[in-house]
Every structure is written in C-alpha cells, then in structure tokens.
Amino acid sequence: MLNFKLQSLILLPVLLVLALPITSDIQPGERNIVAPESKATVLDAAGPLPCIELQVTSVGAVCKSGLGIVARLDFPEVDLKGALAGRENLPQARAEFTADEKTVGDKTYRNIALLLRWEPATPEFLQIYLKEYLPYWGSRVPYRLFWNARYVECSIDHCTEWLTVSEKGEFLPSDVKDLPSDLAADVNFNGVPAAFWNTRVSP
C-alpha cells in the first residue's frame, strides 16, 4: 500500500503536465490566414508546410518541406546535474529556416519561414520533481517538438492579392514514420507516446 501511494505521488505531476494547456500556446494543426486587404479568400485545408517528410533520430529532427526547405534541429544537450541542483532549467532548442520564393503547382510562395522548437515535456514549474521522474526516465529526458510556419502565397494564373498564412502545431511520435520505439516517450503512462526521448544528457 505504501509503495502504491508513493508511485501515485510521483506520477501525479506527470499526469498534471498532460492535463494542463500547452504552455507555448500552440494547438496542433492550428491555421490562421490573413488577407492583407481583408478580402475573403479560402485556401485549401492543407498547406505546403510544415513537412512532407519528417525524421527523428537520437540526434534530433529533420523536416523536409514541400517548399524546398530542409530544417534540421538537434536535441538540446541537458546538464542533468545542473538541473537537479536547481541552477538551471531543462534547455530548449529552436531554429528558423527561410526561403525567398518557391513555385509549387499553380501557386507561388514568398517570404517563407519554418521554425522548429524542442521543449521539455515537463514545464519549468514542475522541474523541481526531476529526482522523482528519473527512475522512470533513466538517462534520458522527454521532449516535445513544435513547429511554426509563415509565408505569403498567390495563384500563378489569377494573382489578385498575396495572402499571408501563419500556421503552428506539434509533431507527435505517431507523425513520424518508422520512428524507433526507443525514441517514443510515453510520459503519461497510457500506452500512447506523446513526446520524444532526448538521450543527449550529461549525468
């Protein structure tokens, strides 16, 4: 009975993480289209970003977009001793990749920007529980992969105005084809991986 109560106490903050709203205010697949002159124009439900091919390895993520951008973002290196001592929080990593212009099909895209971001699955205010998580994590830390995309587009044949498109979302392990099973992090212990294991950890 005592062991059960102890496990419940340890796992409660982890479950709380997944029940809370995403701290970065990103919802999967969210799409916002702004017409510069407030003209009503409807775009296809699926844009050319973020990735037509996504790979996640023990090093990091590689996203090949339909607009010619190949975005590579390594996992951040984690100083576990510093995090456990409270000297620093678990690190993030981000990078933005850009392209000036690309024509795909019957549309031209300009001012293209794709941002990838690794964030620890445990938010800063719960990182005081790291010592309790480590027996379940081993020598690795769960991370979430977010993306933002911006571009303007116009039809080649009938370009009356350029539309500004802003999209954002999160990649899940289920989005990665042939993801090695040891990289899929089931942080909420429900059998459905919701993050990726970062093994770039210094003990």
Protein backbone atom coordinates (compact mmCIF):
# COMPACT_ATOMS: atom_id res chain seq x y z
CA MET A 1 0.00 0.00 0.00
CA LEU A 2 2.86 2.37 0.84
CA ASN A 3 4.56 1.72 -2.50
CA PHE A 4 1.31 2.39 -4.35
CA LYS A 5 0.87 5.74 -2.57
CA LEU A 6 4.47 6.69 -3.33
CA GLN A 7 4.07 5.87 -7.04
CA SER A 8 0.86 7.86 -7.17
CA LEU A 9 2.59 10.87 -5.62
CA ILE A 10 5.42 10.65 -8.14
CA LEU A 11 3.23 10.18 -11.21
CA LEU A 12 0.68 12.87 -10.31
CA PRO A 13 2.82 15.82 -11.55
CA VAL A 14 3.48 13.99 -14.82
CA LEU A 15 -0.21 13.45 -15.41
CA LEU A 16 -0.83 17.08 -14.46
CA VAL A 17 1.56 18.18 -17.22
CA LEU A 18 -0.54 16.49 -19.87
CA ALA A 19 -3.83 17.72 -18.45
CA LEU A 20 -2.75 21.37 -18.47
CA PRO A 21 -2.96 23.57 -21.57
CA ILE A 22 0.22 23.71 -23.65
CA THR A 23 2.38 26.43 -22.14
CA SER A 24 3.62 27.62 -25.52
CA ASP A 25 0.04 28.34 -26.61
CA ILE A 26 0.31 26.07 -29.64
CA GLN A 27 -2.50 23.83 -30.75
CA PRO A 28 -1.81 21.02 -33.24
CA GLY A 29 -2.56 22.00 -36.81
CA GLU A 30 -3.77 25.49 -35.99
CA ARG A 31 -4.02 27.64 -39.13
CA ASN A 32 -4.55 31.38 -39.40
CA ILE A 33 -5.00 33.06 -42.79
CA VAL A 34 -4.88 36.84 -43.09
CA ALA A 35 -5.81 38.62 -46.30
CA PRO A 36 -3.77 41.87 -46.49
CA GLU A 37 -6.72 43.84 -47.88
CA SER A 38 -9.38 41.99 -45.86
CA LYS A 39 -10.73 40.21 -48.91
CA ALA A 40 -12.38 36.87 -48.22
CA THR A 41 -10.37 34.09 -49.80
CA VAL A 42 -10.47 30.41 -48.84
CA LEU A 43 -7.33 28.30 -49.11
CA ASP A 44 -7.00 24.53 -49.18
CA ALA A 45 -7.18 22.91 -45.76
CA ALA A 46 -3.63 21.55 -46.06
CA GLY A 47 -0.80 23.99 -46.77
CA PRO A 48 2.66 23.20 -48.17
CA LEU A 49 4.26 23.28 -44.72
CA PRO A 50 5.49 22.01 -42.40
CA CYS A 51 6.87 18.66 -43.69
CA ILE A 52 6.39 16.19 -46.50
CA GLU A 53 8.97 14.02 -44.75
CA LEU A 54 9.86 14.01 -41.05
CA GLN A 55 12.61 12.01 -39.38
CA VAL A 56 13.53 11.91 -35.69
CA THR A 57 16.70 10.19 -34.52
CA SER A 58 18.69 10.19 -31.30
CA VAL A 59 20.43 13.32 -32.64
CA GLY A 60 17.33 15.37 -33.44
CA ALA A 61 14.72 16.11 -36.11
CA VAL A 62 14.95 16.61 -39.88
CA CYS A 63 11.95 18.13 -41.66
CA LYS A 64 11.82 18.27 -45.47
CA SER A 65 9.12 20.73 -46.55
CA GLY A 66 7.24 20.98 -49.81
CA LEU A 67 8.75 24.42 -50.36
CA GLY A 68 12.36 23.33 -50.64
CA ILE A 69 13.41 23.87 -47.02
CA VAL A 70 15.31 21.14 -45.19
CA ALA A 71 15.12 22.00 -41.49
CA ARG A 72 17.44 20.23 -39.04
CA LEU A 73 17.22 20.76 -35.30
CA ASP A 74 19.27 18.72 -32.82
CA PHE A 75 18.03 17.89 -29.35
CA PRO A 76 19.44 20.33 -26.78
CA GLU A 77 22.20 18.99 -24.55
CA VAL A 78 20.94 18.53 -21.00
CA ASP A 79 23.17 19.18 -17.99
CA LEU A 80 21.26 16.94 -15.63
CA LYS A 81 23.41 17.73 -12.61
CA GLY A 82 22.75 21.46 -13.03
CA ALA A 83 19.02 20.90 -13.47
CA LEU A 84 18.79 18.66 -10.40
CA ALA A 85 20.71 21.22 -8.34
CA GLY A 86 18.25 23.93 -9.41
CA ARG A 87 20.95 26.02 -11.09
CA GLU A 88 19.18 25.92 -14.45
CA ASN A 89 16.04 24.67 -16.13
CA LEU A 90 15.93 21.97 -18.77
CA PRO A 91 17.06 23.68 -22.00
CA GLN A 92 15.09 24.37 -25.16
CA ALA A 93 16.34 24.46 -28.73
CA ARG A 94 14.95 26.37 -31.69
CA ALA A 95 15.93 27.39 -35.19
CA GLU A 96 14.24 29.22 -38.07
CA PHE A 97 14.74 28.31 -41.71
CA THR A 98 13.81 30.63 -44.56
CA ALA A 99 13.43 30.78 -48.35
CA ASP A 100 12.70 33.76 -50.57
CA GLU A 101 10.40 32.28 -53.23
CA LYS A 102 9.16 28.90 -54.44
CA THR A 103 6.61 27.87 -57.06
CA VAL A 104 4.71 24.65 -56.42
CA GLY A 105 1.89 23.59 -58.71
CA ASP A 106 -0.25 26.59 -59.57
CA LYS A 107 0.90 28.79 -56.67
CA THR A 108 3.89 30.93 -55.85
CA TYR A 109 5.10 31.28 -52.26
CA ARG A 110 7.29 34.08 -50.88
CA ASN A 111 8.83 35.14 -47.56
CA ILE A 112 8.81 31.53 -46.39
CA ALA A 113 9.83 30.79 -42.78
CA LEU A 114 9.71 27.49 -40.90
CA LEU A 115 10.60 27.34 -37.20
CA LEU A 116 11.24 24.15 -35.23
CA ARG A 117 11.43 24.07 -31.44
CA TRP A 118 12.29 21.38 -28.89
CA GLU A 119 10.75 21.94 -25.45
CA PRO A 120 10.99 19.67 -22.38
CA ALA A 121 7.75 17.81 -21.74
CA THR A 122 7.99 18.91 -18.12
CA PRO A 123 7.32 22.66 -17.76
CA GLU A 124 9.60 24.77 -15.61
CA PHE A 125 7.30 24.94 -12.58
CA LEU A 126 7.30 21.11 -12.31
CA GLN A 127 11.03 20.58 -12.78
CA ILE A 128 11.51 20.53 -9.02
CA TYR A 129 10.25 16.91 -9.31
CA LEU A 130 13.07 15.79 -11.62
CA LYS A 131 14.58 13.49 -8.99
CA GLU A 132 11.28 11.64 -8.76
CA TYR A 133 10.96 11.31 -12.56
CA LEU A 134 14.45 9.95 -13.24
CA PRO A 135 13.81 6.38 -12.04
CA TYR A 136 11.14 6.16 -14.76
CA TRP A 137 13.12 8.08 -17.40
CA GLY A 138 16.55 6.52 -17.00
CA SER A 139 19.40 8.51 -18.61
CA ARG A 140 17.04 10.42 -20.92
CA VAL A 141 14.54 13.28 -20.79
CA PRO A 142 11.22 13.57 -22.71
CA TYR A 143 10.93 16.45 -25.19
CA ARG A 144 8.13 17.80 -27.40
CA LEU A 145 8.64 19.06 -30.96
CA PHE A 146 6.71 22.17 -32.07
CA TRP A 147 6.62 23.99 -35.39
CA ASN A 148 5.59 27.40 -36.76
CA ALA A 149 5.30 28.30 -40.44
CA ARG A 150 4.74 31.63 -42.21
CA TYR A 151 4.55 32.54 -45.88
CA VAL A 152 2.60 34.55 -48.43
CA GLU A 153 1.05 32.87 -51.46
CA CYS A 154 -0.71 33.73 -54.69
CA SER A 155 -2.13 31.86 -57.67
CA ILE A 156 0.10 31.98 -60.74
CA ASP A 157 -2.78 32.42 -63.20
CA HIS A 158 -5.05 34.73 -61.18
CA CYS A 159 -2.92 36.61 -58.66
CA THR A 160 -5.08 39.49 -57.49
CA GLU A 161 -3.61 39.62 -53.97
CA TRP A 162 -0.98 37.94 -51.84
CA LEU A 163 -2.33 36.06 -48.82
CA THR A 164 -0.36 35.85 -45.60
CA VAL A 165 -0.58 32.42 -43.96
CA SER A 166 0.52 31.56 -40.43
CA GLU A 167 0.37 28.00 -39.13
CA LYS A 168 1.58 26.26 -35.99
CA GLY A 169 1.34 22.88 -34.34
CA GLU A 170 3.12 19.98 -32.68
CA PHE A 171 4.66 16.81 -34.05
CA LEU A 172 3.80 13.63 -32.17
CA PRO A 173 5.57 10.27 -32.35
CA SER A 174 2.65 8.97 -34.43
CA ASP A 175 3.53 11.59 -37.09
CA VAL A 176 6.98 10.07 -37.66
CA LYS A 177 7.13 7.10 -40.00
CA ASP A 178 9.34 4.24 -38.79
CA LEU A 179 10.22 6.02 -35.56
CA PRO A 180 12.46 3.75 -33.43
CA SER A 181 10.43 2.53 -30.49
CA ASP A 182 13.12 3.61 -28.00
CA LEU A 183 12.60 7.25 -29.03
CA ALA A 184 8.83 7.31 -28.36
CA ALA A 185 8.20 8.63 -24.84
CA ASP A 186 5.01 7.52 -23.13
CA VAL A 187 5.23 10.23 -20.47
CA ASN A 188 1.67 9.82 -19.23
CA PHE A 189 1.87 6.01 -18.99
CA ASN A 190 -1.31 5.43 -21.02
CA GLY A 191 0.30 3.43 -23.81
CA VAL A 192 0.24 6.35 -26.30
CA PRO A 193 3.61 8.10 -26.73
CA ALA A 194 3.22 11.90 -26.61
CA ALA A 195 6.88 13.04 -26.67
CA PHE A 196 10.36 12.01 -27.81
CA TRP A 197 13.24 10.75 -25.68
CA ASN A 198 16.26 13.06 -25.64
CA THR A 199 19.34 10.98 -24.84
CA ARG A 200 21.80 13.87 -25.15
CA VAL A 201 22.07 14.00 -21.36
CA SER A 202 25.16 14.62 -19.21
CA PRO A 203 24.68 12.90 -15.82
